[in-house]
Amino acid sequence: QVRVVESGGGLVLAGGSLRLSCAASGRTFSRYAAGWFRQAPGNEREFVACINWSGATTYYADSVKGRFTISRDNAKNTVYLQMNSLKSEDTAVYYCAVVITSDSSWRTRQDQYDYWGQGTQVTVSS
């Protein structure tokens, strides 16, 4: 079993920045892909960004491209989402998802991930 825990959410003014963290634990493994998704009130959960096991491959939703950066530190089993130039429409609960794999495919669908965190709230005030 893999445990996924997000942290780093909070309240920020429009134009500000936040960095979310996603820590995976509970099982010894070396290669996993991760993705960030978000869900705003009244909306379906949507893809934000993903990264392969090595960090060499990343992919972003058009709505965050150029503003958000996904990265990872495998020594810490942690994936990050740096969010800059935040807008009110970025307000949502952000979820991290993980799948054990060594390939470099993009994973933008929720059903491509096996383990999920509980989410962290990001609120952008204008």
C-alpha atoms as a PDB file:
ATOM      1  CA  GLN A   1       0.000   0.000   0.000  1.00  0.00           C
ATOM      2  CA  VAL A   2       1.150   3.517  -0.810  1.00  0.00           C
ATOM      3  CA  ARG A   3       0.177   6.531   1.239  1.00  0.00           C
ATOM      4  CA  VAL A   4       0.019   9.908  -0.502  1.00  0.00           C
ATOM      5  CA  VAL A   5      -0.096  13.137   1.486  1.00  0.00           C
ATOM      6  CA  GLU A   6      -0.380  16.629   0.032  1.00  0.00           C
ATOM      7  CA  SER A   7       0.642  19.790   1.825  1.00  0.00           C
ATOM      8  CA  GLY A   8       1.331  23.444   1.126  1.00  0.00           C
ATOM      9  CA  GLY A   9      -2.121  24.742   0.320  1.00  0.00           C
ATOM     10  CA  GLY A  10      -3.474  27.949   1.727  1.00  0.00           C
ATOM     11  CA  LEU A  11      -4.838  31.403   1.020  1.00  0.00           C
ATOM     12  CA  VAL A  12      -2.919  33.663  -1.349  1.00  0.00           C
ATOM     13  CA  LEU A  13      -3.599  36.906  -3.186  1.00  0.00           C
ATOM     14  CA  ALA A  14      -4.015  36.885  -6.929  1.00  0.00           C
ATOM     15  CA  GLY A  15      -0.619  37.116  -8.584  1.00  0.00           C
ATOM     16  CA  GLY A  16       1.039  35.319  -5.703  1.00  0.00           C
ATOM     17  CA  SER A  17       2.719  31.928  -5.467  1.00  0.00           C
ATOM     18  CA  LEU A  18       2.377  28.670  -3.587  1.00  0.00           C
ATOM     19  CA  ARG A  19       4.303  25.415  -3.641  1.00  0.00           C
ATOM     20  CA  LEU A  20       2.436  22.194  -3.053  1.00  0.00           C
ATOM     21  CA  SER A  21       4.187  19.032  -1.915  1.00  0.00           C
ATOM     22  CA  CYS A  22       3.151  15.421  -2.402  1.00  0.00           C
ATOM     23  CA  ALA A  23       4.893  12.872  -0.190  1.00  0.00           C
ATOM     24  CA  ALA A  24       4.565   9.172  -0.981  1.00  0.00           C
ATOM     25  CA  SER A  25       5.294   6.554   1.666  1.00  0.00           C
ATOM     26  CA  GLY A  26       4.397   3.115   2.980  1.00  0.00           C
ATOM     27  CA  ARG A  27       6.112   0.929   0.452  1.00  0.00           C
ATOM     28  CA  THR A  28       9.666   0.661  -0.832  1.00  0.00           C
ATOM     29  CA  PHE A  29       9.744   1.433  -4.518  1.00  0.00           C
ATOM     30  CA  SER A  30      12.002   3.251  -6.880  1.00  0.00           C
ATOM     31  CA  ARG A  31       9.946   4.379  -9.806  1.00  0.00           C
ATOM     32  CA  TYR A  32       6.552   6.010  -9.870  1.00  0.00           C
ATOM     33  CA  ALA A  33       4.763   8.592 -11.952  1.00  0.00           C
ATOM     34  CA  ALA A  34       2.705  11.336 -10.342  1.00  0.00           C
ATOM     35  CA  GLY A  35       0.041  13.781 -11.309  1.00  0.00           C
ATOM     36  CA  TRP A  36      -1.747  16.760  -9.868  1.00  0.00           C
ATOM     37  CA  PHE A  37      -5.471  17.251 -10.306  1.00  0.00           C
ATOM     38  CA  ARG A  38      -7.836  19.871  -8.925  1.00  0.00           C
ATOM     39  CA  GLN A  39     -11.507  20.234  -8.213  1.00  0.00           C
ATOM     40  CA  ALA A  40     -13.306  23.526  -7.788  1.00  0.00           C
ATOM     41  CA  PRO A  41     -16.753  23.715  -6.149  1.00  0.00           C
ATOM     42  CA  GLY A  42     -19.421  22.548  -8.548  1.00  0.00           C
ATOM     43  CA  ASN A  43     -16.873  21.359 -11.088  1.00  0.00           C
ATOM     44  CA  GLU A  44     -15.468  17.982 -12.010  1.00  0.00           C
ATOM     45  CA  ARG A  45     -11.943  17.067 -11.032  1.00  0.00           C
ATOM     46  CA  GLU A  46      -9.521  18.114 -13.763  1.00  0.00           C
ATOM     47  CA  PHE A  47      -5.955  17.365 -14.735  1.00  0.00           C
ATOM     48  CA  VAL A  48      -3.289  19.948 -13.895  1.00  0.00           C
ATOM     49  CA  ALA A  49       0.168  18.446 -14.455  1.00  0.00           C
ATOM     50  CA  CYS A  50       2.058  15.144 -14.484  1.00  0.00           C
ATOM     51  CA  ILE A  51       5.634  13.937 -14.252  1.00  0.00           C
ATOM     52  CA  ASN A  52       7.325  10.629 -15.029  1.00  0.00           C
ATOM     53  CA  TRP A  53       9.481   8.672 -12.594  1.00  0.00           C
ATOM     54  CA  SER A  54      12.745  10.411 -13.469  1.00  0.00           C
ATOM     55  CA  GLY A  55      11.398  13.924 -13.874  1.00  0.00           C
ATOM     56  CA  ALA A  56      12.469  14.048 -17.508  1.00  0.00           C
ATOM     57  CA  THR A  57       8.934  14.115 -18.858  1.00  0.00           C
ATOM     58  CA  THR A  58       6.301  16.597 -17.763  1.00  0.00           C
ATOM     59  CA  TYR A  59       2.982  17.704 -19.179  1.00  0.00           C
ATOM     60  CA  TYR A  60       0.599  20.506 -18.269  1.00  0.00           C
ATOM     61  CA  ALA A  61      -2.983  21.507 -18.798  1.00  0.00           C
ATOM     62  CA  ASP A  62      -3.238  24.537 -21.077  1.00  0.00           C
ATOM     63  CA  SER A  63      -4.801  26.548 -18.266  1.00  0.00           C
ATOM     64  CA  VAL A  64      -1.640  26.366 -16.138  1.00  0.00           C
ATOM     65  CA  LYS A  65       1.108  26.120 -18.752  1.00  0.00           C
ATOM     66  CA  GLY A  66       3.770  28.735 -18.189  1.00  0.00           C
ATOM     67  CA  ARG A  67       2.601  29.427 -14.628  1.00  0.00           C
ATOM     68  CA  PHE A  68       2.886  26.059 -12.864  1.00  0.00           C
ATOM     69  CA  THR A  69       5.917  23.783 -12.676  1.00  0.00           C
ATOM     70  CA  ILE A  70       5.899  20.165 -11.557  1.00  0.00           C
ATOM     71  CA  SER A  71       9.122  18.631 -10.241  1.00  0.00           C
ATOM     72  CA  ARG A  72      10.302  15.833  -7.975  1.00  0.00           C
ATOM     73  CA  ASP A  73      12.971  14.791  -5.501  1.00  0.00           C
ATOM     74  CA  ASN A  74      13.199  10.998  -5.614  1.00  0.00           C
ATOM     75  CA  ALA A  75      15.508  10.881  -2.630  1.00  0.00           C
ATOM     76  CA  LYS A  76      12.610  12.259  -0.593  1.00  0.00           C
ATOM     77  CA  ASN A  77       9.817  10.483  -2.505  1.00  0.00           C
ATOM     78  CA  THR A  78       8.249  13.904  -2.962  1.00  0.00           C
ATOM     79  CA  VAL A  79       6.667  15.633  -5.928  1.00  0.00           C
ATOM     80  CA  TYR A  80       6.161  19.396  -6.024  1.00  0.00           C
ATOM     81  CA  LEU A  81       3.848  21.782  -7.816  1.00  0.00           C
ATOM     82  CA  GLN A  82       5.164  25.329  -7.951  1.00  0.00           C
ATOM     83  CA  MET A  83       2.290  27.654  -8.725  1.00  0.00           C
ATOM     84  CA  ASN A  84       3.069  31.217  -9.803  1.00  0.00           C
ATOM     85  CA  SER A  85       0.908  34.081 -11.047  1.00  0.00           C
ATOM     86  CA  LEU A  86      -2.081  32.554  -9.341  1.00  0.00           C
ATOM     87  CA  LYS A  87      -5.554  33.557 -10.468  1.00  0.00           C
ATOM     88  CA  SER A  88      -8.914  33.339  -8.734  1.00  0.00           C
ATOM     89  CA  GLU A  89      -9.862  30.538 -11.117  1.00  0.00           C
ATOM     90  CA  ASP A  90      -7.040  28.424  -9.665  1.00  0.00           C
ATOM     91  CA  THR A  91      -9.036  28.151  -6.440  1.00  0.00           C
ATOM     92  CA  ALA A  92      -9.715  24.464  -5.844  1.00  0.00           C
ATOM     93  CA  VAL A  93      -8.811  21.418  -3.812  1.00  0.00           C
ATOM     94  CA  TYR A  94      -5.604  20.042  -5.282  1.00  0.00           C
ATOM     95  CA  TYR A  95      -5.026  16.298  -5.309  1.00  0.00           C
ATOM     96  CA  CYS A  96      -1.859  14.330  -5.893  1.00  0.00           C
ATOM     97  CA  ALA A  97      -2.027  10.896  -7.504  1.00  0.00           C
ATOM     98  CA  VAL A  98       0.632   8.222  -7.931  1.00  0.00           C
ATOM     99  CA  VAL A  99       1.109   5.089 -10.017  1.00  0.00           C
ATOM    100  CA  ILE A 100       4.003   2.635  -9.784  1.00  0.00           C
ATOM    101  CA  THR A 101       5.627   2.576 -13.203  1.00  0.00           C
ATOM    102  CA  SER A 102       8.922   3.088 -14.957  1.00  0.00           C
ATOM    103  CA  ASP A 103       7.603   4.244 -18.327  1.00  0.00           C
ATOM    104  CA  SER A 104       7.499   7.876 -19.428  1.00  0.00           C
ATOM    105  CA  SER A 105       3.968   8.125 -20.750  1.00  0.00           C
ATOM    106  CA  TRP A 106       1.853  11.155 -20.023  1.00  0.00           C
ATOM    107  CA  ARG A 107      -0.954  10.332 -17.625  1.00  0.00           C
ATOM    108  CA  THR A 108      -3.749  12.889 -17.740  1.00  0.00           C
ATOM    109  CA  ARG A 109      -6.719  10.701 -16.784  1.00  0.00           C
ATOM    110  CA  GLN A 110      -7.713   9.918 -13.211  1.00  0.00           C
ATOM    111  CA  ASP A 111      -8.097   6.198 -13.953  1.00  0.00           C
ATOM    112  CA  GLN A 112      -4.399   6.030 -14.835  1.00  0.00           C
ATOM    113  CA  TYR A 113      -3.440   6.459 -11.175  1.00  0.00           C
ATOM    114  CA  ASP A 114      -3.724   3.981  -8.332  1.00  0.00           C
ATOM    115  CA  TYR A 115      -3.121   6.004  -5.181  1.00  0.00           C
ATOM    116  CA  TRP A 116      -4.564   9.360  -4.193  1.00  0.00           C
ATOM    117  CA  GLY A 117      -4.111  11.847  -1.416  1.00  0.00           C
ATOM    118  CA  GLN A 118      -6.867  13.585   0.513  1.00  0.00           C
ATOM    119  CA  GLY A 119      -6.265  16.927  -1.147  1.00  0.00           C
ATOM    120  CA  THR A 120      -5.126  20.365  -0.047  1.00  0.00           C
ATOM    121  CA  GLN A 121      -7.164  23.545  -0.409  1.00  0.00           C
ATOM    122  CA  VAL A 122      -5.812  26.414  -2.468  1.00  0.00           C
ATOM    123  CA  THR A 123      -7.743  29.664  -2.317  1.00  0.00           C
ATOM    124  CA  VAL A 124      -6.753  32.629  -4.450  1.00  0.00           C
ATOM    125  CA  SER A 125      -8.271  35.903  -3.385  1.00  0.00           C
ATOM    126  CA  SER A 126      -8.669  38.780  -5.785  1.00  0.00           C
END
